[in-house]
Amino acid sequence: MAVRVALLRGVNVSGAGKLPMAEFRDMLSGMGLGAVRTYIQSGNAVFESDLAAPELEARIGDAVAERFGFRRDVFVLSVEEIAAALTDHPFAGAEPKLVHVIFLRETPTPDEAALRALAEPGDGWHIGPRRFTLSTPGGFGTSKLAEKLPKLLPAPTTARNLRTIAALHEMILAQA
């Protein structure tokens, strides 16, 4: 079976989309996924499955809606996609919590002029396959670019900082 990572958008944020991780793990295991583990409270799971990513995304999304009463976008990524998200960008020396990878369904082609107009000094970005990596040395939460980015990228998206992606990668390596 292949190791996969599921990222859910917008769970356990400001009291919305409450998704207890123990129940989420039970739900995923009950769906026949193997070796299910979760990381922190924001809808990150590592598991084993032979199903294709689009099928897993639909099944997990449907199961969350049925069991927890809300629907969220689900992104299922391969081991290779997680590894590339960690290294395929020019921000190797940056503080991991200040570099965010925004995962998408397609490779983005944002308006570069709009990105530059919103960028603070030191902000940088890199476009990779189905992802947009954003470095905000002044902080993600205070970045005008980060705030406006959802309007500049094709929806749906979900973002994780490099610290979280590194932890998920470590979980993958431990599972292999």
Protein backbone atom coordinates (compact mmCIF):
# COMPACT_ATOMS: atom_id res chain seq x y z
CA MET A 1 0.00 0.00 0.00
CA ALA A 2 1.11 3.54 -0.71
CA VAL A 3 1.61 6.06 2.07
CA ARG A 4 -0.57 9.16 1.62
CA VAL A 5 -1.13 12.43 3.44
CA ALA A 6 -4.56 14.05 3.78
CA LEU A 7 -4.81 17.76 4.48
CA LEU A 8 -8.22 19.18 5.36
CA ARG A 9 -8.90 22.87 4.92
CA GLY A 10 -10.36 24.93 7.73
CA VAL A 11 -10.88 22.47 10.57
CA ASN A 12 -10.57 23.41 14.24
CA VAL A 13 -10.11 27.08 13.34
CA SER A 14 -11.75 29.67 15.63
CA GLY A 15 -14.32 27.15 16.81
CA ALA A 16 -15.48 26.26 13.29
CA GLY A 17 -15.26 22.82 11.74
CA LYS A 18 -14.63 20.94 14.96
CA LEU A 19 -12.88 17.71 14.10
CA PRO A 20 -11.58 15.72 17.09
CA MET A 21 -8.45 13.96 15.90
CA ALA A 22 -9.17 10.68 17.73
CA GLU A 23 -12.56 10.49 16.01
CA PHE A 24 -11.00 11.50 12.69
CA ARG A 25 -8.45 8.67 13.03
CA ASP A 26 -11.24 6.21 13.87
CA MET A 27 -13.23 7.38 10.86
CA LEU A 28 -10.25 6.96 8.51
CA SER A 29 -9.46 3.51 9.91
CA GLY A 30 -13.13 2.56 9.56
CA MET A 31 -12.88 3.47 5.88
CA GLY A 32 -10.26 0.74 5.46
CA LEU A 33 -7.22 3.02 5.44
CA GLY A 34 -4.17 1.53 7.10
CA ALA A 35 -1.70 2.76 9.73
CA VAL A 36 -3.62 6.00 10.31
CA ARG A 37 -1.89 8.73 12.31
CA THR A 38 -2.75 12.40 12.72
CA TYR A 39 -0.63 15.44 13.40
CA ILE A 40 -1.80 18.39 15.52
CA GLN A 41 -5.41 19.54 15.49
CA SER A 42 -5.67 21.01 12.00
CA GLY A 43 -6.76 18.06 9.88
CA ASN A 44 -3.50 16.39 8.92
CA ALA A 45 -3.39 12.61 8.54
CA VAL A 46 -0.84 10.08 7.31
CA PHE A 47 -2.17 6.69 6.24
CA GLU A 48 -1.80 3.83 3.77
CA SER A 49 -4.10 3.16 0.83
CA ASP A 50 -3.99 1.87 -2.72
CA LEU A 51 -6.81 4.17 -3.84
CA ALA A 52 -6.07 7.12 -6.12
CA ALA A 53 -5.88 10.60 -4.59
CA PRO A 54 -9.11 11.95 -6.21
CA GLU A 55 -11.10 8.96 -4.94
CA LEU A 56 -9.63 9.32 -1.45
CA GLU A 57 -10.40 13.07 -1.43
CA ALA A 58 -14.04 12.42 -2.32
CA ARG A 59 -14.46 9.55 0.14
CA ILE A 60 -12.81 11.40 3.04
CA GLY A 61 -14.81 14.55 2.30
CA ASP A 62 -18.07 12.58 2.21
CA ALA A 63 -17.21 10.70 5.42
CA VAL A 64 -16.37 13.93 7.28
CA ALA A 65 -19.66 15.48 6.12
CA GLU A 66 -21.64 12.43 7.22
CA ARG A 67 -19.94 11.92 10.57
CA PHE A 68 -19.19 15.50 11.66
CA GLY A 69 -21.87 17.47 9.83
CA PHE A 70 -19.72 19.79 7.72
CA ARG A 71 -17.87 19.58 4.42
CA ARG A 72 -14.27 20.70 3.93
CA ASP A 73 -11.89 20.54 1.01
CA VAL A 74 -9.56 17.55 1.24
CA PHE A 75 -6.17 17.33 -0.42
CA VAL A 76 -4.50 13.91 -0.62
CA LEU A 77 -0.80 14.04 -1.40
CA SER A 78 1.83 11.44 -2.18
CA VAL A 79 5.11 10.96 -0.37
CA GLU A 80 6.86 12.57 -3.34
CA GLU A 81 4.61 15.64 -3.25
CA ILE A 82 5.29 16.19 0.46
CA ALA A 83 9.05 15.76 -0.05
CA ALA A 84 9.02 18.22 -2.97
CA ALA A 85 7.02 20.77 -0.95
CA LEU A 86 9.83 20.71 1.61
CA THR A 87 12.67 21.31 -0.81
CA ASP A 88 11.42 22.67 -4.15
CA HIS A 89 11.65 26.36 -3.31
CA PRO A 90 14.39 28.96 -2.70
CA PHE A 91 13.68 29.44 1.04
CA ALA A 92 15.97 26.78 2.56
CA GLY A 93 17.42 29.10 5.21
CA ALA A 94 14.14 30.74 6.22
CA GLU A 95 12.35 30.17 9.53
CA PRO A 96 10.05 27.18 8.79
CA LYS A 97 7.03 28.74 10.51
CA LEU A 98 7.29 31.75 8.16
CA VAL A 99 7.24 29.73 4.93
CA HIS A 100 3.84 28.41 3.91
CA VAL A 101 3.01 26.00 1.11
CA ILE A 102 -0.40 26.56 -0.39
CA PHE A 103 -1.63 23.37 -2.03
CA LEU A 104 -4.00 23.61 -5.00
CA ARG A 105 -5.78 21.32 -7.45
CA GLU A 106 -3.81 22.82 -10.36
CA THR A 107 -0.54 24.65 -10.87
CA PRO A 108 -1.27 28.35 -10.31
CA THR A 109 -0.49 31.17 -12.73
CA PRO A 110 -1.10 34.24 -10.57
CA ASP A 111 -0.74 37.82 -11.75
CA GLU A 112 2.91 38.58 -10.93
CA ALA A 113 2.28 42.35 -10.88
CA ALA A 114 -0.48 41.91 -8.30
CA LEU A 115 1.83 39.73 -6.17
CA ARG A 116 4.61 42.32 -6.31
CA ALA A 117 2.19 45.14 -5.44
CA LEU A 118 1.12 43.35 -2.25
CA ALA A 119 4.51 42.01 -1.21
CA GLU A 120 6.27 43.45 1.82
CA PRO A 121 10.07 43.88 1.69
CA GLY A 122 11.59 40.41 1.95
CA ASP A 123 8.44 38.50 0.91
CA GLY A 124 9.05 35.90 -1.74
CA TRP A 125 7.20 33.16 -3.54
CA HIS A 126 7.82 30.14 -5.67
CA ILE A 127 5.40 28.30 -7.92
CA GLY A 128 5.65 24.53 -8.14
CA PRO A 129 3.37 21.77 -9.39
CA ARG A 130 -0.03 22.30 -7.71
CA ARG A 131 1.49 24.52 -5.05
CA PHE A 132 2.47 28.09 -4.25
CA THR A 133 5.18 28.56 -1.62
CA LEU A 134 5.15 31.90 0.20
CA SER A 135 7.89 33.24 2.47
CA THR A 136 6.82 36.06 4.78
CA PRO A 137 9.76 37.07 7.00
CA GLY A 138 7.56 39.72 8.65
CA GLY A 139 4.97 37.10 9.59
CA PHE A 140 2.22 35.29 7.71
CA GLY A 141 -0.55 36.75 9.86
CA THR A 142 0.45 40.34 9.11
CA SER A 143 1.29 39.88 5.42
CA LYS A 144 -0.94 41.75 2.96
CA LEU A 145 0.13 39.28 0.30
CA ALA A 146 -0.90 36.30 2.44
CA GLU A 147 -4.22 37.99 3.22
CA LYS A 148 -5.06 38.67 -0.45
CA LEU A 149 -3.55 35.48 -1.86
CA PRO A 150 -6.82 33.49 -1.87
CA LYS A 151 -8.19 35.95 -4.43
CA LEU A 152 -5.11 35.56 -6.63
CA LEU A 153 -4.98 31.75 -6.65
CA PRO A 154 -7.50 29.28 -8.03
CA ALA A 155 -9.69 27.75 -5.32
CA PRO A 156 -9.72 25.47 -3.44
CA THR A 157 -6.51 25.76 -1.45
CA THR A 158 -5.10 24.71 1.88
CA ALA A 159 -1.88 25.95 3.46
CA ARG A 160 0.66 24.46 5.85
CA ASN A 161 3.92 25.92 7.11
CA LEU A 162 7.20 24.12 6.52
CA ARG A 163 7.35 23.03 10.16
CA THR A 164 4.11 21.09 9.73
CA ILE A 165 5.17 19.67 6.37
CA ALA A 166 8.49 18.54 7.88
CA ALA A 167 6.65 16.82 10.74
CA LEU A 168 4.37 15.04 8.26
CA HIS A 169 7.41 14.00 6.25
CA GLU A 170 9.01 12.56 9.40
CA MET A 171 5.80 10.61 10.06
CA ILE A 172 5.96 9.24 6.52
CA LEU A 173 9.59 8.17 6.95
CA ALA A 174 8.79 6.49 10.25
CA GLN A 175 5.93 4.62 8.60
CA ALA A 176 7.93 3.42 5.58
